[in-house]
């Protein structure tokens, strides 16, 4: 995996000043495009915020040259250091994807930006994992990502309105 490329994409996610100041809306999704295309690449970020104000969080999907290249969750406060594992090439934490009426999926996500940015992580097939997550997200009207999950602790479980993700991706010509 190209670590430098991944770092560059994730830095785009967290550096909102790179993207246009006034996004257009597709349902709950804000669509940001680069204001200065210095890379010669077509880069777009789709972003939705957690519904309700209990857990301030943003869900980002980054497309480069019409393909999904990154999925990330940004939170205002960092995750609990005790939930971070250093047994892989990058620090990871468990994230549980839950949808009402369906079973939940638990996976290790990469921890970046001092514990404030999380993204799906695979040593072998990052592109395939990103597509899998976008398909999961696209197939739900609302989803919950449980972070810092300890038994009975929902303190970091942002709920995202994800109903129009497929439309937002189509509007920018981005494929899964």
C-alpha atoms as a PDB file:
ATOM      1  CA  UNK A   1       0.000   0.000   0.000  1.00  0.00           C
ATOM      2  CA  UNK A   2       1.257   3.458  -0.776  1.00  0.00           C
ATOM      3  CA  UNK A   3       1.497   5.035   2.662  1.00  0.00           C
ATOM      4  CA  UNK A   4       2.366   8.478   1.331  1.00  0.00           C
ATOM      5  CA  UNK A   5      -0.682   8.473  -0.932  1.00  0.00           C
ATOM      6  CA  UNK A   6      -2.962   7.476   1.942  1.00  0.00           C
ATOM      7  CA  UNK A   7      -1.516  10.164   4.206  1.00  0.00           C
ATOM      8  CA  UNK A   8      -2.071  12.748   1.484  1.00  0.00           C
ATOM      9  CA  UNK A   9      -5.714  11.720   1.022  1.00  0.00           C
ATOM     10  CA  UNK A  10      -6.414  11.717   4.762  1.00  0.00           C
ATOM     11  CA  UNK A  11      -4.762  15.110   5.116  1.00  0.00           C
ATOM     12  CA  UNK A  12      -7.218  16.375   2.487  1.00  0.00           C
ATOM     13  CA  UNK A  13     -10.047  15.077   4.636  1.00  0.00           C
ATOM     14  CA  UNK A  14      -8.865  16.986   7.683  1.00  0.00           C
ATOM     15  CA  UNK A  15      -7.716  20.138   5.864  1.00  0.00           C
ATOM     16  CA  UNK A  16     -11.062  21.658   4.937  1.00  0.00           C
ATOM     17  CA  UNK A  17      -9.404  24.883   3.789  1.00  0.00           C
ATOM     18  CA  UNK A  18      -8.274  23.036   0.655  1.00  0.00           C
ATOM     19  CA  UNK A  19     -11.882  22.531  -0.397  1.00  0.00           C
ATOM     20  CA  UNK A  20     -14.367  25.124  -1.601  1.00  0.00           C
ATOM     21  CA  UNK A  21     -15.961  27.201   1.149  1.00  0.00           C
ATOM     22  CA  UNK A  22     -19.551  26.830  -0.033  1.00  0.00           C
ATOM     23  CA  UNK A  23     -20.440  23.207  -0.715  1.00  0.00           C
ATOM     24  CA  UNK A  24     -23.484  22.102  -2.605  1.00  0.00           C
ATOM     25  CA  UNK A  25     -25.938  19.765  -0.883  1.00  0.00           C
ATOM     26  CA  UNK A  26     -27.221  16.381  -1.988  1.00  0.00           C
ATOM     27  CA  UNK A  27     -29.578  15.342   0.792  1.00  0.00           C
ATOM     28  CA  UNK A  28     -27.587  15.276   4.029  1.00  0.00           C
ATOM     29  CA  UNK A  29     -24.281  15.198   2.099  1.00  0.00           C
ATOM     30  CA  UNK A  30     -22.174  18.313   1.515  1.00  0.00           C
ATOM     31  CA  UNK A  31     -20.113  18.074  -1.669  1.00  0.00           C
ATOM     32  CA  UNK A  32     -16.739  19.836  -1.573  1.00  0.00           C
ATOM     33  CA  UNK A  33     -14.401  20.216  -4.541  1.00  0.00           C
ATOM     34  CA  UNK A  34     -10.824  21.421  -4.573  1.00  0.00           C
ATOM     35  CA  UNK A  35     -10.505  25.186  -4.913  1.00  0.00           C
ATOM     36  CA  UNK A  36      -7.022  24.918  -6.410  1.00  0.00           C
ATOM     37  CA  UNK A  37      -6.309  21.811  -8.419  1.00  0.00           C
ATOM     38  CA  UNK A  38      -2.543  21.668  -7.860  1.00  0.00           C
ATOM     39  CA  UNK A  39      -2.296  17.891  -8.226  1.00  0.00           C
ATOM     40  CA  UNK A  40      -3.909  17.658 -11.647  1.00  0.00           C
ATOM     41  CA  UNK A  41      -6.353  15.201 -10.088  1.00  0.00           C
ATOM     42  CA  UNK A  42     -10.098  15.482  -9.694  1.00  0.00           C
ATOM     43  CA  UNK A  43     -10.597  15.316  -5.899  1.00  0.00           C
ATOM     44  CA  UNK A  44     -14.029  15.603  -4.251  1.00  0.00           C
ATOM     45  CA  UNK A  45     -15.058  15.123  -0.634  1.00  0.00           C
ATOM     46  CA  UNK A  46     -18.575  14.136   0.437  1.00  0.00           C
ATOM     47  CA  UNK A  47     -19.318  14.896   4.064  1.00  0.00           C
ATOM     48  CA  UNK A  48     -22.252  14.422   6.397  1.00  0.00           C
ATOM     49  CA  UNK A  49     -22.459  15.360  10.055  1.00  0.00           C
ATOM     50  CA  UNK A  50     -23.845  13.274  12.876  1.00  0.00           C
ATOM     51  CA  UNK A  51     -27.540  13.908  13.492  1.00  0.00           C
ATOM     52  CA  UNK A  52     -28.372  15.330  16.895  1.00  0.00           C
ATOM     53  CA  UNK A  53     -25.769  17.150  18.917  1.00  0.00           C
ATOM     54  CA  UNK A  54     -24.829  14.422  21.392  1.00  0.00           C
ATOM     55  CA  UNK A  55     -21.719  13.368  19.487  1.00  0.00           C
ATOM     56  CA  UNK A  56     -20.207  15.963  17.133  1.00  0.00           C
ATOM     57  CA  UNK A  57     -18.731  13.926  14.277  1.00  0.00           C
ATOM     58  CA  UNK A  58     -18.355  14.005  10.504  1.00  0.00           C
ATOM     59  CA  UNK A  59     -18.340  11.141   8.038  1.00  0.00           C
ATOM     60  CA  UNK A  60     -16.153  11.829   4.992  1.00  0.00           C
ATOM     61  CA  UNK A  61     -15.853  10.020   1.692  1.00  0.00           C
ATOM     62  CA  UNK A  62     -13.065  11.163  -0.623  1.00  0.00           C
ATOM     63  CA  UNK A  63     -13.077  10.493  -4.372  1.00  0.00           C
ATOM     64  CA  UNK A  64     -10.034  10.970  -6.562  1.00  0.00           C
ATOM     65  CA  UNK A  65     -10.330  10.664 -10.338  1.00  0.00           C
ATOM     66  CA  UNK A  66     -13.926   9.422  -9.975  1.00  0.00           C
ATOM     67  CA  UNK A  67     -13.086   6.526  -7.576  1.00  0.00           C
ATOM     68  CA  UNK A  68     -13.583   6.256  -3.811  1.00  0.00           C
ATOM     69  CA  UNK A  69     -10.139   6.417  -2.205  1.00  0.00           C
ATOM     70  CA  UNK A  70     -10.880   7.100   1.459  1.00  0.00           C
ATOM     71  CA  UNK A  71     -13.566   6.816   4.109  1.00  0.00           C
ATOM     72  CA  UNK A  72     -13.014   8.577   7.417  1.00  0.00           C
ATOM     73  CA  UNK A  73     -14.796   9.656  10.567  1.00  0.00           C
ATOM     74  CA  UNK A  74     -13.717  12.894  12.223  1.00  0.00           C
ATOM     75  CA  UNK A  75     -14.563  13.451  15.888  1.00  0.00           C
ATOM     76  CA  UNK A  76     -13.954  16.553  17.992  1.00  0.00           C
ATOM     77  CA  UNK A  77     -12.488  14.803  21.003  1.00  0.00           C
ATOM     78  CA  UNK A  78      -9.934  12.051  20.661  1.00  0.00           C
ATOM     79  CA  UNK A  79     -10.847   8.442  21.331  1.00  0.00           C
ATOM     80  CA  UNK A  80      -9.830   6.767  24.582  1.00  0.00           C
ATOM     81  CA  UNK A  81      -6.145   5.781  24.371  1.00  0.00           C
ATOM     82  CA  UNK A  82      -6.984   2.506  26.152  1.00  0.00           C
ATOM     83  CA  UNK A  83      -8.985   1.359  23.110  1.00  0.00           C
ATOM     84  CA  UNK A  84      -6.046   1.832  20.705  1.00  0.00           C
ATOM     85  CA  UNK A  85      -4.045  -1.223  19.640  1.00  0.00           C
ATOM     86  CA  UNK A  86      -0.482  -0.979  18.375  1.00  0.00           C
ATOM     87  CA  UNK A  87      -0.231  -4.599  17.178  1.00  0.00           C
ATOM     88  CA  UNK A  88      -0.525  -3.731  13.454  1.00  0.00           C
ATOM     89  CA  UNK A  89       1.513  -1.490  11.150  1.00  0.00           C
ATOM     90  CA  UNK A  90      -0.621   1.489  12.231  1.00  0.00           C
ATOM     91  CA  UNK A  91      -2.526   2.222  15.462  1.00  0.00           C
ATOM     92  CA  UNK A  92      -6.070   0.795  15.288  1.00  0.00           C
ATOM     93  CA  UNK A  93      -9.259   0.715  17.325  1.00  0.00           C
ATOM     94  CA  UNK A  94     -12.484  -1.295  17.084  1.00  0.00           C
ATOM     95  CA  UNK A  95     -15.363   0.369  15.288  1.00  0.00           C
ATOM     96  CA  UNK A  96     -18.814  -1.220  15.268  1.00  0.00           C
ATOM     97  CA  UNK A  97     -21.104  -0.464  12.324  1.00  0.00           C
ATOM     98  CA  UNK A  98     -24.712  -0.847  13.466  1.00  0.00           C
ATOM     99  CA  UNK A  99     -27.943  -0.502  11.527  1.00  0.00           C
ATOM    100  CA  UNK A 100     -31.364  -0.802  13.150  1.00  0.00           C
ATOM    101  CA  UNK A 101     -32.926  -4.178  12.426  1.00  0.00           C
ATOM    102  CA  UNK A 102     -29.686  -5.686  11.114  1.00  0.00           C
ATOM    103  CA  UNK A 103     -26.667  -7.293  12.716  1.00  0.00           C
ATOM    104  CA  UNK A 104     -23.613  -5.211  13.454  1.00  0.00           C
ATOM    105  CA  UNK A 105     -20.125  -5.474  11.939  1.00  0.00           C
ATOM    106  CA  UNK A 106     -16.989  -4.883  13.987  1.00  0.00           C
ATOM    107  CA  UNK A 107     -13.634  -4.046  12.392  1.00  0.00           C
ATOM    108  CA  UNK A 108     -10.321  -2.436  13.223  1.00  0.00           C
ATOM    109  CA  UNK A 109     -10.007   1.109  11.917  1.00  0.00           C
ATOM    110  CA  UNK A 110      -6.843   3.170  11.664  1.00  0.00           C
ATOM    111  CA  UNK A 111      -6.390   5.912  14.264  1.00  0.00           C
ATOM    112  CA  UNK A 112      -4.846   9.163  12.984  1.00  0.00           C
ATOM    113  CA  UNK A 113      -4.681  12.862  13.834  1.00  0.00           C
ATOM    114  CA  UNK A 114      -4.139  12.276  17.572  1.00  0.00           C
ATOM    115  CA  UNK A 115      -7.188  10.006  17.816  1.00  0.00           C
ATOM    116  CA  UNK A 116      -9.561  12.417  16.102  1.00  0.00           C
ATOM    117  CA  UNK A 117      -9.699  10.740  12.667  1.00  0.00           C
ATOM    118  CA  UNK A 118     -10.579   7.087  12.089  1.00  0.00           C
ATOM    119  CA  UNK A 119     -10.651   5.206   8.794  1.00  0.00           C
ATOM    120  CA  UNK A 120     -11.100   1.603   7.677  1.00  0.00           C
ATOM    121  CA  UNK A 121      -7.723  -0.130   7.504  1.00  0.00           C
ATOM    122  CA  UNK A 122      -6.403  -3.043   5.489  1.00  0.00           C
ATOM    123  CA  UNK A 123      -2.778  -4.026   4.994  1.00  0.00           C
ATOM    124  CA  UNK A 124      -3.603  -5.945   1.823  1.00  0.00           C
ATOM    125  CA  UNK A 125      -6.538  -4.376  -0.001  1.00  0.00           C
ATOM    126  CA  UNK A 126      -7.392  -0.843   1.087  1.00  0.00           C
ATOM    127  CA  UNK A 127      -9.309  -0.005  -2.114  1.00  0.00           C
ATOM    128  CA  UNK A 128     -11.553  -3.051  -1.738  1.00  0.00           C
ATOM    129  CA  UNK A 129     -12.207  -2.255   1.937  1.00  0.00           C
ATOM    130  CA  UNK A 130     -13.144   1.361   1.086  1.00  0.00           C
ATOM    131  CA  UNK A 131     -15.603   0.091  -1.549  1.00  0.00           C
ATOM    132  CA  UNK A 132     -17.074  -2.378   0.958  1.00  0.00           C
ATOM    133  CA  UNK A 133     -17.661   0.410   3.478  1.00  0.00           C
ATOM    134  CA  UNK A 134     -19.239   2.692   0.883  1.00  0.00           C
ATOM    135  CA  UNK A 135     -21.578  -0.149  -0.135  1.00  0.00           C
ATOM    136  CA  UNK A 136     -22.524  -0.722   3.516  1.00  0.00           C
ATOM    137  CA  UNK A 137     -23.152   2.973   4.040  1.00  0.00           C
ATOM    138  CA  UNK A 138     -25.088   3.334   0.755  1.00  0.00           C
ATOM    139  CA  UNK A 139     -27.459   0.555   1.721  1.00  0.00           C
ATOM    140  CA  UNK A 140     -28.700   2.257   4.879  1.00  0.00           C
ATOM    141  CA  UNK A 141     -30.886   5.291   5.614  1.00  0.00           C
ATOM    142  CA  UNK A 142     -29.137   5.836   8.970  1.00  0.00           C
ATOM    143  CA  UNK A 143     -26.166   4.182  10.581  1.00  0.00           C
ATOM    144  CA  UNK A 144     -24.387   4.229  13.896  1.00  0.00           C
ATOM    145  CA  UNK A 145     -20.623   3.914  14.308  1.00  0.00           C
ATOM    146  CA  UNK A 146     -19.814   2.858  17.840  1.00  0.00           C
ATOM    147  CA  UNK A 147     -16.386   4.144  18.875  1.00  0.00           C
ATOM    148  CA  UNK A 148     -14.623   3.579  22.220  1.00  0.00           C
ATOM    149  CA  UNK A 149     -17.131   0.819  22.690  1.00  0.00           C
ATOM    150  CA  UNK A 150     -17.150  -0.669  26.136  1.00  0.00           C
ATOM    151  CA  UNK A 151     -20.080  -2.638  27.501  1.00  0.00           C
ATOM    152  CA  UNK A 152     -23.002  -0.220  27.924  1.00  0.00           C
ATOM    153  CA  UNK A 153     -21.009   2.846  26.802  1.00  0.00           C
ATOM    154  CA  UNK A 154     -22.671   4.736  23.963  1.00  0.00           C
ATOM    155  CA  UNK A 155     -20.808   7.989  24.676  1.00  0.00           C
ATOM    156  CA  UNK A 156     -19.151   7.896  21.272  1.00  0.00           C
ATOM    157  CA  UNK A 157     -21.752   6.459  18.940  1.00  0.00           C
ATOM    158  CA  UNK A 158     -22.529   9.054  16.275  1.00  0.00           C
ATOM    159  CA  UNK A 159     -25.601   8.506  14.108  1.00  0.00           C
ATOM    160  CA  UNK A 160     -25.313   9.537  10.455  1.00  0.00           C
ATOM    161  CA  UNK A 161     -28.083  10.176   7.901  1.00  0.00           C
ATOM    162  CA  UNK A 162     -26.698   8.243   4.923  1.00  0.00           C
ATOM    163  CA  UNK A 163     -29.815   7.880   2.749  1.00  0.00           C
ATOM    164  CA  UNK A 164     -28.652   9.866  -0.302  1.00  0.00           C
ATOM    165  CA  UNK A 165     -25.030   8.678  -0.519  1.00  0.00           C
ATOM    166  CA  UNK A 166     -25.535   6.910  -3.854  1.00  0.00           C
ATOM    167  CA  UNK A 167     -27.088  10.088  -5.319  1.00  0.00           C
ATOM    168  CA  UNK A 168     -24.252  12.240  -3.962  1.00  0.00           C
ATOM    169  CA  UNK A 169     -21.623   9.904  -5.444  1.00  0.00           C
ATOM    170  CA  UNK A 170     -23.436   9.901  -8.800  1.00  0.00           C
ATOM    171  CA  UNK A 171     -23.683  13.699  -8.792  1.00  0.00           C
ATOM    172  CA  UNK A 172     -19.874  13.963  -8.828  1.00  0.00           C
ATOM    173  CA  UNK A 173     -19.321  10.963 -11.115  1.00  0.00           C
ATOM    174  CA  UNK A 174     -17.683   8.910  -8.381  1.00  0.00           C
ATOM    175  CA  UNK A 175     -17.961   5.141  -8.479  1.00  0.00           C
ATOM    176  CA  UNK A 176     -17.570   2.747  -5.601  1.00  0.00           C
END
